[in-house]
Amino acid sequence: MPARRAYDGRVLAAGYRIVEGPPTVSEYITLRARSGLSPKSALQAEAAIAGAWVTVRVLTDDDHAVGMGRVIGDGGWYFHIVDMAVLPEHQRRGLGDALLTWLTDRIRTVAPPDPYITLLADEPGRRLYERHGFVPTAPGSIGMQLPTRPA
């Protein structure tokens, strides 16, 4: 049986490892599109990568990026988890769980006390987020957006 790699005291599935650092623009675009997130341009990807508070990826043993997650925020109290993406053929192996654990552990370790940690939970990820203790903010508050394209 191949050795399994640990992340923050937990075991990651064999053949994968967690690596702090941003994906390439190409990896970012591919991971978003193939995992079912909305597609983004190279210009959007470059800005997103540069604007992260922290980014983490899941790599295979042959260095292919198969998952990622980012945190954006002010570094003081507000932290928003974004771009949680795992390629479909690598899902159901605990990689999303590993990414989310790594990101929330980093926030709790580095941020000042009592950080406000948020995310927008699309349907496919809701069970994962709930398992990690995330709860809906409605009806006290709801997520809103300002559309920039005609409907």
Protein backbone atom coordinates (compact mmCIF):
# COMPACT_ATOMS: atom_id res chain seq x y z
CA MET A 1 0.00 0.00 0.00
CA PRO A 2 1.48 3.41 -0.99
CA ALA A 3 2.30 5.89 1.76
CA ARG A 4 -0.36 8.45 2.50
CA ARG A 5 0.56 12.06 3.11
CA ALA A 6 -0.55 13.93 6.19
CA TYR A 7 -2.08 17.41 6.23
CA ASP A 8 -2.41 19.12 9.57
CA GLY A 9 -2.42 15.81 11.44
CA ARG A 10 -4.89 14.11 9.09
CA VAL A 11 -4.25 11.64 6.33
CA LEU A 12 -4.72 12.58 2.69
CA ALA A 13 -5.62 9.93 0.11
CA ALA A 14 -2.63 8.17 -1.45
CA GLY A 15 -1.30 9.87 -4.57
CA TYR A 16 -2.18 13.42 -3.48
CA ARG A 17 -0.54 16.20 -1.53
CA ILE A 18 -1.58 19.65 -0.30
CA VAL A 19 0.65 22.50 -1.46
CA GLU A 20 0.35 26.11 -0.37
CA GLY A 21 0.64 28.52 -3.27
CA PRO A 22 -1.31 29.69 -6.28
CA PRO A 23 -2.15 27.73 -9.39
CA THR A 24 -0.97 28.92 -12.77
CA VAL A 25 -3.47 30.94 -14.78
CA SER A 26 -4.09 27.89 -16.96
CA GLU A 27 -4.64 25.63 -13.92
CA TYR A 28 -7.02 28.17 -12.37
CA ILE A 29 -9.12 28.43 -15.54
CA THR A 30 -9.19 24.65 -16.00
CA LEU A 31 -9.99 23.81 -12.37
CA ARG A 32 -12.89 26.28 -12.29
CA ALA A 33 -14.39 25.24 -15.62
CA ARG A 34 -14.01 21.46 -15.22
CA SER A 35 -15.28 21.40 -11.64
CA GLY A 36 -18.50 23.19 -12.57
CA LEU A 37 -17.71 26.74 -11.45
CA SER A 38 -18.34 29.64 -13.80
CA PRO A 39 -15.63 30.08 -16.44
CA LYS A 40 -13.22 33.00 -16.09
CA SER A 41 -10.87 34.74 -18.52
CA ALA A 42 -7.09 34.85 -18.21
CA LEU A 43 -7.32 38.49 -17.10
CA GLN A 44 -9.80 37.59 -14.36
CA ALA A 45 -7.68 34.61 -13.32
CA GLU A 46 -4.51 36.71 -13.01
CA ALA A 47 -6.24 39.26 -10.79
CA ALA A 48 -7.93 36.58 -8.68
CA ILE A 49 -4.68 34.74 -8.08
CA ALA A 50 -2.85 37.94 -7.15
CA GLY A 51 -5.63 39.09 -4.81
CA ALA A 52 -5.78 36.03 -2.58
CA TRP A 53 -4.95 36.13 1.13
CA VAL A 54 -3.89 32.49 0.79
CA THR A 55 -4.25 29.80 -1.86
CA VAL A 56 -3.81 26.05 -1.58
CA ARG A 57 -3.81 23.32 -4.20
CA VAL A 58 -4.06 19.56 -4.31
CA LEU A 59 -1.42 18.05 -6.55
CA THR A 60 -1.04 14.48 -7.70
CA ASP A 61 2.27 12.71 -7.21
CA ASP A 62 3.13 13.67 -10.80
CA ASP A 63 2.48 17.37 -10.03
CA HIS A 64 -0.88 17.83 -11.76
CA ALA A 65 -3.21 20.30 -10.04
CA VAL A 66 -6.53 18.55 -9.37
CA GLY A 67 -7.99 20.85 -6.72
CA MET A 68 -7.72 24.32 -5.22
CA GLY A 69 -9.20 26.71 -2.72
CA ARG A 70 -8.54 30.36 -1.91
CA VAL A 71 -9.27 32.84 0.83
CA ILE A 72 -9.81 36.50 0.10
CA GLY A 73 -10.21 39.11 2.79
CA ASP A 74 -8.61 41.84 4.79
CA GLY A 75 -6.39 39.65 6.98
CA GLY A 76 -7.84 41.25 10.10
CA TRP A 77 -11.29 39.84 10.70
CA TYR A 78 -13.00 39.15 7.37
CA PHE A 79 -12.14 35.96 5.45
CA HIS A 80 -14.15 34.69 2.49
CA ILE A 81 -13.45 31.19 1.11
CA VAL A 82 -13.70 31.03 -2.68
CA ASP A 83 -12.76 28.87 -5.66
CA MET A 84 -13.27 25.54 -3.92
CA ALA A 85 -12.75 23.25 -6.91
CA VAL A 86 -11.83 19.59 -7.41
CA LEU A 87 -11.76 17.95 -10.83
CA PRO A 88 -14.69 15.52 -11.23
CA GLU A 89 -12.50 12.44 -11.67
CA HIS A 90 -10.80 13.21 -8.33
CA GLN A 91 -13.94 13.95 -6.32
CA ARG A 92 -15.23 11.70 -3.52
CA ARG A 93 -11.69 11.11 -2.20
CA GLY A 94 -11.72 13.64 0.63
CA LEU A 95 -9.87 16.32 -1.32
CA GLY A 96 -12.51 19.02 -0.83
CA ASP A 97 -12.52 18.18 2.87
CA ALA A 98 -8.73 18.47 2.97
CA LEU A 99 -8.75 21.82 1.16
CA LEU A 100 -11.43 23.29 3.41
CA THR A 101 -9.73 22.00 6.56
CA TRP A 102 -6.40 23.47 5.47
CA LEU A 103 -7.96 26.87 4.71
CA THR A 104 -10.00 27.14 7.92
CA ASP A 105 -7.07 25.92 10.03
CA ARG A 106 -4.84 28.58 8.43
CA ILE A 107 -7.36 31.32 9.18
CA ARG A 108 -7.75 30.19 12.79
CA THR A 109 -3.97 29.93 13.24
CA VAL A 110 -2.86 33.18 11.61
CA ALA A 111 -5.79 35.58 11.96
CA PRO A 112 -6.45 37.69 15.01
CA PRO A 113 -9.01 36.22 17.45
CA ASP A 114 -12.65 35.82 16.37
CA PRO A 115 -12.33 35.87 12.55
CA TYR A 116 -15.50 36.12 10.48
CA ILE A 117 -15.29 33.23 7.97
CA THR A 118 -17.79 33.16 5.13
CA LEU A 119 -18.44 31.47 1.81
CA LEU A 120 -21.21 31.20 -0.75
CA ALA A 121 -22.48 27.63 -0.72
CA ASP A 122 -23.59 26.34 -4.10
CA GLU A 123 -25.72 23.21 -3.89
CA PRO A 124 -22.98 20.66 -4.68
CA GLY A 125 -20.80 21.84 -1.78
CA ARG A 126 -23.37 22.47 0.93
CA ARG A 127 -23.00 19.12 2.71
CA LEU A 128 -19.22 19.58 2.85
CA TYR A 129 -19.55 23.06 4.32
CA GLU A 130 -22.16 21.95 6.84
CA ARG A 131 -19.88 19.10 7.98
CA HIS A 132 -17.26 21.77 8.71
CA GLY A 133 -19.68 23.78 10.85
CA PHE A 134 -20.83 26.39 8.33
CA VAL A 135 -24.43 27.51 8.82
CA PRO A 136 -26.77 29.61 6.68
CA THR A 137 -26.80 33.30 7.54
CA ALA A 138 -30.41 33.82 6.35
CA PRO A 139 -32.78 35.19 7.38
CA GLY A 140 -30.52 37.58 9.32
CA SER A 141 -28.51 38.29 6.19
CA ILE A 142 -28.38 36.94 2.66
CA GLY A 143 -25.76 37.00 -0.07
CA MET A 144 -26.40 39.59 -2.77
CA GLN A 145 -24.77 40.52 -6.04
CA LEU A 146 -24.75 43.48 -8.41
CA PRO A 147 -25.30 42.03 -11.90
CA THR A 148 -22.92 43.49 -14.45
CA ARG A 149 -24.38 41.77 -17.53
CA PRO A 150 -27.91 41.99 -18.88
CA ALA A 151 -30.06 39.02 -17.88
